[in-house]
Amino acid sequence: MGQATFDDFLKLDIRVGEVIKADFFAKAKHPAFKLWVDFGEEIGTKKSSAQITELYSREDLVGKQVLGVVNFPPRQVADFMSEVLILGIYSQKGVVLIKPEQSVRKGDKLG
């Protein structure tokens, strides 16, 4: 794997959002949820497909703050357009979402 530069990191726009809706994504190749995430007034609500069903239920997700890359191009996943990449860690038990340690304002930027 090649090394990334600091300038590469600065190209990513990583923001805090709040999951406002989560549905099971039946048409995905691997078990996943369709998420609607509110990133605040500047960015608005964006959709994401997330393979996080091992450790989370729909009820667990709604109201949870998450980090997402908001400046990747949209990606078609089955019949759903995923607009942001929600960040998580691949653990032995499944994907663990990355979230702020304390509650912060929607749209706040990682930096």
C-alpha atoms as a PDB file:
ATOM      1  CA  MET A   1       0.000   0.000   0.000  1.00  0.00           C
ATOM      2  CA  GLY A   2       1.390   3.409  -0.969  1.00  0.00           C
ATOM      3  CA  GLN A   3       1.683   6.198   1.522  1.00  0.00           C
ATOM      4  CA  ALA A   4      -0.881   8.953   1.569  1.00  0.00           C
ATOM      5  CA  THR A   5       0.247  12.529   1.952  1.00  0.00           C
ATOM      6  CA  PHE A   6      -1.207  15.121   4.292  1.00  0.00           C
ATOM      7  CA  ASP A   7      -2.605  16.859   1.206  1.00  0.00           C
ATOM      8  CA  ASP A   8      -4.466  13.605   0.370  1.00  0.00           C
ATOM      9  CA  PHE A   9      -6.049  13.673   3.831  1.00  0.00           C
ATOM     10  CA  LEU A  10      -7.061  17.325   3.421  1.00  0.00           C
ATOM     11  CA  LYS A  11      -9.039  16.406   0.293  1.00  0.00           C
ATOM     12  CA  LEU A  12     -11.474  14.376   2.417  1.00  0.00           C
ATOM     13  CA  ASP A  13     -14.458  16.231   3.836  1.00  0.00           C
ATOM     14  CA  ILE A  14     -15.377  14.183   6.922  1.00  0.00           C
ATOM     15  CA  ARG A  15     -18.387  15.459   8.844  1.00  0.00           C
ATOM     16  CA  VAL A  16     -20.579  14.490  11.776  1.00  0.00           C
ATOM     17  CA  GLY A  17     -24.100  13.440  10.950  1.00  0.00           C
ATOM     18  CA  GLU A  18     -27.070  11.989  12.801  1.00  0.00           C
ATOM     19  CA  VAL A  19     -28.874   8.917  11.517  1.00  0.00           C
ATOM     20  CA  ILE A  20     -32.524   9.906  11.093  1.00  0.00           C
ATOM     21  CA  LYS A  21     -33.789   6.756   9.337  1.00  0.00           C
ATOM     22  CA  ALA A  22     -32.520   3.199   8.855  1.00  0.00           C
ATOM     23  CA  ASP A  23     -34.108   0.441   6.753  1.00  0.00           C
ATOM     24  CA  PHE A  24     -32.896  -3.084   6.019  1.00  0.00           C
ATOM     25  CA  PHE A  25     -31.457  -3.199   2.477  1.00  0.00           C
ATOM     26  CA  ALA A  26     -32.918  -6.415   1.053  1.00  0.00           C
ATOM     27  CA  LYS A  27     -31.418  -6.002  -2.445  1.00  0.00           C
ATOM     28  CA  ALA A  28     -27.804  -5.566  -1.266  1.00  0.00           C
ATOM     29  CA  LYS A  29     -25.357  -8.419  -2.040  1.00  0.00           C
ATOM     30  CA  HIS A  30     -24.325  -8.550   1.624  1.00  0.00           C
ATOM     31  CA  PRO A  31     -26.546  -7.761   4.629  1.00  0.00           C
ATOM     32  CA  ALA A  32     -26.774  -3.973   4.915  1.00  0.00           C
ATOM     33  CA  PHE A  33     -28.873  -1.021   5.983  1.00  0.00           C
ATOM     34  CA  LYS A  34     -30.028   1.962   3.971  1.00  0.00           C
ATOM     35  CA  LEU A  35     -29.247   5.000   6.119  1.00  0.00           C
ATOM     36  CA  TRP A  36     -30.488   8.575   5.890  1.00  0.00           C
ATOM     37  CA  VAL A  37     -28.033  10.836   7.715  1.00  0.00           C
ATOM     38  CA  ASP A  38     -28.593  14.512   8.580  1.00  0.00           C
ATOM     39  CA  PHE A  39     -25.324  16.459   8.210  1.00  0.00           C
ATOM     40  CA  GLY A  40     -26.820  19.823   9.189  1.00  0.00           C
ATOM     41  CA  GLU A  41     -27.960  22.858   7.205  1.00  0.00           C
ATOM     42  CA  GLU A  42     -24.905  23.244   4.951  1.00  0.00           C
ATOM     43  CA  ILE A  43     -24.928  19.666   3.604  1.00  0.00           C
ATOM     44  CA  GLY A  44     -28.407  18.391   4.422  1.00  0.00           C
ATOM     45  CA  THR A  45     -29.596  14.797   4.534  1.00  0.00           C
ATOM     46  CA  LYS A  46     -27.605  12.218   2.573  1.00  0.00           C
ATOM     47  CA  LYS A  47     -28.137   8.500   1.952  1.00  0.00           C
ATOM     48  CA  SER A  48     -25.665   5.690   2.561  1.00  0.00           C
ATOM     49  CA  SER A  49     -25.573   1.915   2.260  1.00  0.00           C
ATOM     50  CA  ALA A  50     -23.787   0.407   5.267  1.00  0.00           C
ATOM     51  CA  GLN A  51     -22.849  -3.221   5.935  1.00  0.00           C
ATOM     52  CA  ILE A  52     -23.198  -2.931   9.710  1.00  0.00           C
ATOM     53  CA  THR A  53     -25.913  -5.484  10.474  1.00  0.00           C
ATOM     54  CA  GLU A  54     -23.734  -7.698  12.702  1.00  0.00           C
ATOM     55  CA  LEU A  55     -23.596  -5.218  15.576  1.00  0.00           C
ATOM     56  CA  TYR A  56     -26.461  -2.778  14.976  1.00  0.00           C
ATOM     57  CA  SER A  57     -30.227  -2.904  14.648  1.00  0.00           C
ATOM     58  CA  ARG A  58     -32.381  -0.266  12.967  1.00  0.00           C
ATOM     59  CA  GLU A  59     -33.463   0.925  16.406  1.00  0.00           C
ATOM     60  CA  ASP A  60     -29.818   1.259  17.562  1.00  0.00           C
ATOM     61  CA  LEU A  61     -28.955   3.476  14.605  1.00  0.00           C
ATOM     62  CA  VAL A  62     -31.656   6.157  14.658  1.00  0.00           C
ATOM     63  CA  GLY A  63     -30.382   9.132  16.661  1.00  0.00           C
ATOM     64  CA  LYS A  64     -26.752   7.945  16.600  1.00  0.00           C
ATOM     65  CA  GLN A  65     -24.026  10.372  15.560  1.00  0.00           C
ATOM     66  CA  VAL A  66     -21.625   9.025  12.924  1.00  0.00           C
ATOM     67  CA  LEU A  67     -18.710  10.261  10.833  1.00  0.00           C
ATOM     68  CA  GLY A  68     -19.031  10.265   7.064  1.00  0.00           C
ATOM     69  CA  VAL A  69     -17.015  11.287   4.021  1.00  0.00           C
ATOM     70  CA  VAL A  70     -19.373  13.683   2.256  1.00  0.00           C
ATOM     71  CA  ASN A  71     -17.322  14.567  -0.835  1.00  0.00           C
ATOM     72  CA  PHE A  72     -17.013  11.180  -2.567  1.00  0.00           C
ATOM     73  CA  PRO A  73     -19.038  10.802  -5.777  1.00  0.00           C
ATOM     74  CA  PRO A  74     -22.377   8.985  -5.335  1.00  0.00           C
ATOM     75  CA  ARG A  75     -22.244   5.205  -5.861  1.00  0.00           C
ATOM     76  CA  GLN A  76     -25.062   2.983  -7.117  1.00  0.00           C
ATOM     77  CA  VAL A  77     -25.656  -0.009  -4.829  1.00  0.00           C
ATOM     78  CA  ALA A  78     -28.370  -2.231  -6.321  1.00  0.00           C
ATOM     79  CA  ASP A  79     -31.388   0.105  -6.651  1.00  0.00           C
ATOM     80  CA  PHE A  80     -30.091   2.642  -4.085  1.00  0.00           C
ATOM     81  CA  MET A  81     -27.806   5.648  -4.609  1.00  0.00           C
ATOM     82  CA  SER A  82     -25.270   5.857  -1.767  1.00  0.00           C
ATOM     83  CA  GLU A  83     -24.133   9.495  -1.417  1.00  0.00           C
ATOM     84  CA  VAL A  84     -21.718   9.331   1.543  1.00  0.00           C
ATOM     85  CA  LEU A  85     -19.312   6.823   3.074  1.00  0.00           C
ATOM     86  CA  ILE A  86     -20.042   6.203   6.743  1.00  0.00           C
ATOM     87  CA  LEU A  87     -16.819   5.376   8.593  1.00  0.00           C
ATOM     88  CA  GLY A  88     -16.333   2.241  10.640  1.00  0.00           C
ATOM     89  CA  ILE A  89     -13.693  -0.179  11.878  1.00  0.00           C
ATOM     90  CA  TYR A  90     -13.596  -3.794  10.700  1.00  0.00           C
ATOM     91  CA  SER A  91     -13.439  -5.729  13.977  1.00  0.00           C
ATOM     92  CA  GLN A  92     -13.615  -9.488  14.556  1.00  0.00           C
ATOM     93  CA  LYS A  93     -17.264  -9.085  15.600  1.00  0.00           C
ATOM     94  CA  GLY A  94     -18.265  -6.888  12.647  1.00  0.00           C
ATOM     95  CA  VAL A  95     -18.079  -3.249  11.624  1.00  0.00           C
ATOM     96  CA  VAL A  96     -18.005  -0.779  14.534  1.00  0.00           C
ATOM     97  CA  LEU A  97     -19.098   2.755  13.658  1.00  0.00           C
ATOM     98  CA  ILE A  98     -16.799   5.684  14.377  1.00  0.00           C
ATOM     99  CA  LYS A  99     -18.535   8.434  16.328  1.00  0.00           C
ATOM    100  CA  PRO A 100     -17.595  11.499  18.361  1.00  0.00           C
ATOM    101  CA  GLU A 101     -16.787  10.869  22.020  1.00  0.00           C
ATOM    102  CA  GLN A 102     -19.211  13.646  22.968  1.00  0.00           C
ATOM    103  CA  SER A 103     -22.299  14.941  21.204  1.00  0.00           C
ATOM    104  CA  VAL A 104     -21.403  17.656  18.700  1.00  0.00           C
ATOM    105  CA  ARG A 105     -23.237  19.815  16.172  1.00  0.00           C
ATOM    106  CA  LYS A 106     -24.377  18.129  12.943  1.00  0.00           C
ATOM    107  CA  GLY A 107     -22.057  19.090  10.114  1.00  0.00           C
ATOM    108  CA  ASP A 108     -19.003  19.672  12.311  1.00  0.00           C
ATOM    109  CA  LYS A 109     -15.865  18.808  10.348  1.00  0.00           C
ATOM    110  CA  LEU A 110     -13.098  16.410  11.306  1.00  0.00           C
ATOM    111  CA  GLY A 111      -9.805  18.223  11.094  1.00  0.00           C
END
